[in-house]
Amino acid sequence: MSKRMQYSGVKPEAFEEMKSRLKQMGLTLNANSGSFNEKGVSGKYNYNQQDETLEIADLSVGFPASMMFNSDSLQKKMTDLIEQYGGTPTA
């Protein structure tokens, strides 16, 4: 099952920190928008720096990543990080 998340108030520092932490997990976000499909985790993202909004769509976790976490736990980690930097979930 894929997930969709939206956040507002996402400062550039929060987005860069999220990218850095995802990279440590083996996921690379190269730009402010695009898609990813690595190590069993896939999805699309769009970060609007001017509006300070971030949307993540079609987030899904499959093998081999599913041996370490599921889409709910990945969503929680992303949400916790965004909230730590002052952002808020909107959907």
C-alpha atoms as a PDB file:
ATOM      1  CA  MET A   1       0.000   0.000   0.000  1.00  0.00           C
ATOM      2  CA  SER A   2       1.443   3.362  -0.966  1.00  0.00           C
ATOM      3  CA  LYS A   3       1.284   6.452   1.216  1.00  0.00           C
ATOM      4  CA  ARG A   4       0.949  10.154   0.540  1.00  0.00           C
ATOM      5  CA  MET A   5       2.207  12.842   2.893  1.00  0.00           C
ATOM      6  CA  GLN A   6       2.178  16.638   2.774  1.00  0.00           C
ATOM      7  CA  TYR A   7       4.029  19.061   5.006  1.00  0.00           C
ATOM      8  CA  SER A   8       4.055  22.839   5.357  1.00  0.00           C
ATOM      9  CA  GLY A   9       6.605  25.118   6.976  1.00  0.00           C
ATOM     10  CA  VAL A  10       9.470  22.961   5.689  1.00  0.00           C
ATOM     11  CA  LYS A  11      12.614  25.064   5.854  1.00  0.00           C
ATOM     12  CA  PRO A  12      15.465  24.290   3.439  1.00  0.00           C
ATOM     13  CA  GLU A  13      17.513  23.011   6.394  1.00  0.00           C
ATOM     14  CA  ALA A  14      14.832  20.436   7.202  1.00  0.00           C
ATOM     15  CA  PHE A  15      14.679  19.217   3.611  1.00  0.00           C
ATOM     16  CA  GLU A  16      18.476  18.941   3.426  1.00  0.00           C
ATOM     17  CA  GLU A  17      18.577  17.030   6.724  1.00  0.00           C
ATOM     18  CA  MET A  18      15.865  14.654   5.500  1.00  0.00           C
ATOM     19  CA  LYS A  19      17.829  14.077   2.276  1.00  0.00           C
ATOM     20  CA  SER A  20      20.960  13.403   4.326  1.00  0.00           C
ATOM     21  CA  ARG A  21      19.236  10.901   6.608  1.00  0.00           C
ATOM     22  CA  LEU A  22      17.580   9.131   3.698  1.00  0.00           C
ATOM     23  CA  LYS A  23      20.967   8.901   1.987  1.00  0.00           C
ATOM     24  CA  GLN A  24      22.298   7.106   5.083  1.00  0.00           C
ATOM     25  CA  MET A  25      19.501   4.564   4.494  1.00  0.00           C
ATOM     26  CA  GLY A  26      20.524   4.191   0.844  1.00  0.00           C
ATOM     27  CA  LEU A  27      17.943   6.536  -0.731  1.00  0.00           C
ATOM     28  CA  THR A  28      19.136   9.432  -2.845  1.00  0.00           C
ATOM     29  CA  LEU A  29      17.050  12.536  -3.542  1.00  0.00           C
ATOM     30  CA  ASN A  30      19.038  14.490  -6.130  1.00  0.00           C
ATOM     31  CA  ALA A  31      16.886  17.581  -6.603  1.00  0.00           C
ATOM     32  CA  ASN A  32      13.883  19.366  -5.128  1.00  0.00           C
ATOM     33  CA  SER A  33      11.511  17.076  -7.000  1.00  0.00           C
ATOM     34  CA  GLY A  34      11.631  13.712  -8.638  1.00  0.00           C
ATOM     35  CA  SER A  35      11.217  10.077  -7.837  1.00  0.00           C
ATOM     36  CA  PHE A  36      13.240   7.387  -6.122  1.00  0.00           C
ATOM     37  CA  ASN A  37      13.320   3.621  -6.326  1.00  0.00           C
ATOM     38  CA  GLU A  38      16.169   2.108  -4.360  1.00  0.00           C
ATOM     39  CA  LYS A  39      16.589  -0.878  -2.068  1.00  0.00           C
ATOM     40  CA  GLY A  40      12.870  -1.633  -2.183  1.00  0.00           C
ATOM     41  CA  VAL A  41      11.702   1.886  -1.305  1.00  0.00           C
ATOM     42  CA  SER A  42       9.960   3.919  -3.977  1.00  0.00           C
ATOM     43  CA  GLY A  43       8.014   7.132  -4.232  1.00  0.00           C
ATOM     44  CA  LYS A  44       7.779  10.613  -5.672  1.00  0.00           C
ATOM     45  CA  TYR A  45       8.540  13.909  -3.980  1.00  0.00           C
ATOM     46  CA  ASN A  46       8.197  17.624  -4.598  1.00  0.00           C
ATOM     47  CA  TYR A  47       9.756  20.269  -2.378  1.00  0.00           C
ATOM     48  CA  ASN A  48       8.755  23.878  -3.033  1.00  0.00           C
ATOM     49  CA  GLN A  49      11.328  26.038  -1.284  1.00  0.00           C
ATOM     50  CA  GLN A  50       9.410  29.296  -1.819  1.00  0.00           C
ATOM     51  CA  ASP A  51       6.171  27.933  -0.310  1.00  0.00           C
ATOM     52  CA  GLU A  52       8.082  25.745   2.181  1.00  0.00           C
ATOM     53  CA  THR A  53       5.945  22.744   1.265  1.00  0.00           C
ATOM     54  CA  LEU A  54       6.921  19.124   0.759  1.00  0.00           C
ATOM     55  CA  GLU A  55       4.776  16.425  -0.793  1.00  0.00           C
ATOM     56  CA  ILE A  56       5.709  12.775  -0.852  1.00  0.00           C
ATOM     57  CA  ALA A  57       3.460  10.508  -2.913  1.00  0.00           C
ATOM     58  CA  ASP A  58       3.285   6.820  -3.738  1.00  0.00           C
ATOM     59  CA  LEU A  59       5.642   5.940  -0.867  1.00  0.00           C
ATOM     60  CA  SER A  60       5.977   2.192  -0.644  1.00  0.00           C
ATOM     61  CA  VAL A  61       8.412  -0.188   0.995  1.00  0.00           C
ATOM     62  CA  GLY A  62       9.220  -3.573  -0.483  1.00  0.00           C
ATOM     63  CA  PHE A  63      11.988  -6.124  -0.246  1.00  0.00           C
ATOM     64  CA  PRO A  64      14.772  -5.820   0.913  1.00  0.00           C
ATOM     65  CA  ALA A  65      13.943  -2.641   2.884  1.00  0.00           C
ATOM     66  CA  SER A  66      10.829  -4.305   4.304  1.00  0.00           C
ATOM     67  CA  MET A  67      13.100  -6.499   6.416  1.00  0.00           C
ATOM     68  CA  MET A  68      14.149  -3.395   8.400  1.00  0.00           C
ATOM     69  CA  PHE A  69      11.084  -1.113   8.331  1.00  0.00           C
ATOM     70  CA  ASN A  70       7.663  -0.637   6.762  1.00  0.00           C
ATOM     71  CA  SER A  71       5.982   2.365   5.144  1.00  0.00           C
ATOM     72  CA  ASP A  72       4.353   3.392   8.453  1.00  0.00           C
ATOM     73  CA  SER A  73       7.669   3.499  10.315  1.00  0.00           C
ATOM     74  CA  LEU A  74       9.370   5.340   7.433  1.00  0.00           C
ATOM     75  CA  GLN A  75       6.537   7.879   7.354  1.00  0.00           C
ATOM     76  CA  LYS A  76       6.852   8.380  11.118  1.00  0.00           C
ATOM     77  CA  LYS A  77      10.620   8.945  10.837  1.00  0.00           C
ATOM     78  CA  MET A  78      10.109  11.540   8.086  1.00  0.00           C
ATOM     79  CA  THR A  79       7.316  13.277   9.997  1.00  0.00           C
ATOM     80  CA  ASP A  80       9.333  13.359  13.232  1.00  0.00           C
ATOM     81  CA  LEU A  81      12.286  14.917  11.406  1.00  0.00           C
ATOM     82  CA  ILE A  82      10.155  17.549   9.658  1.00  0.00           C
ATOM     83  CA  GLU A  83       8.427  18.426  12.960  1.00  0.00           C
ATOM     84  CA  GLN A  84      11.804  18.670  14.712  1.00  0.00           C
ATOM     85  CA  TYR A  85      12.664  21.471  12.263  1.00  0.00           C
ATOM     86  CA  GLY A  86       9.327  23.289  12.697  1.00  0.00           C
ATOM     87  CA  GLY A  87       7.336  21.811   9.811  1.00  0.00           C
ATOM     88  CA  THR A  88       3.844  20.384  10.214  1.00  0.00           C
ATOM     89  CA  PRO A  89       1.967  17.588   8.466  1.00  0.00           C
ATOM     90  CA  THR A  90      -0.996  18.853   6.440  1.00  0.00           C
ATOM     91  CA  ALA A  91      -2.279  15.555   5.047  1.00  0.00           C
END
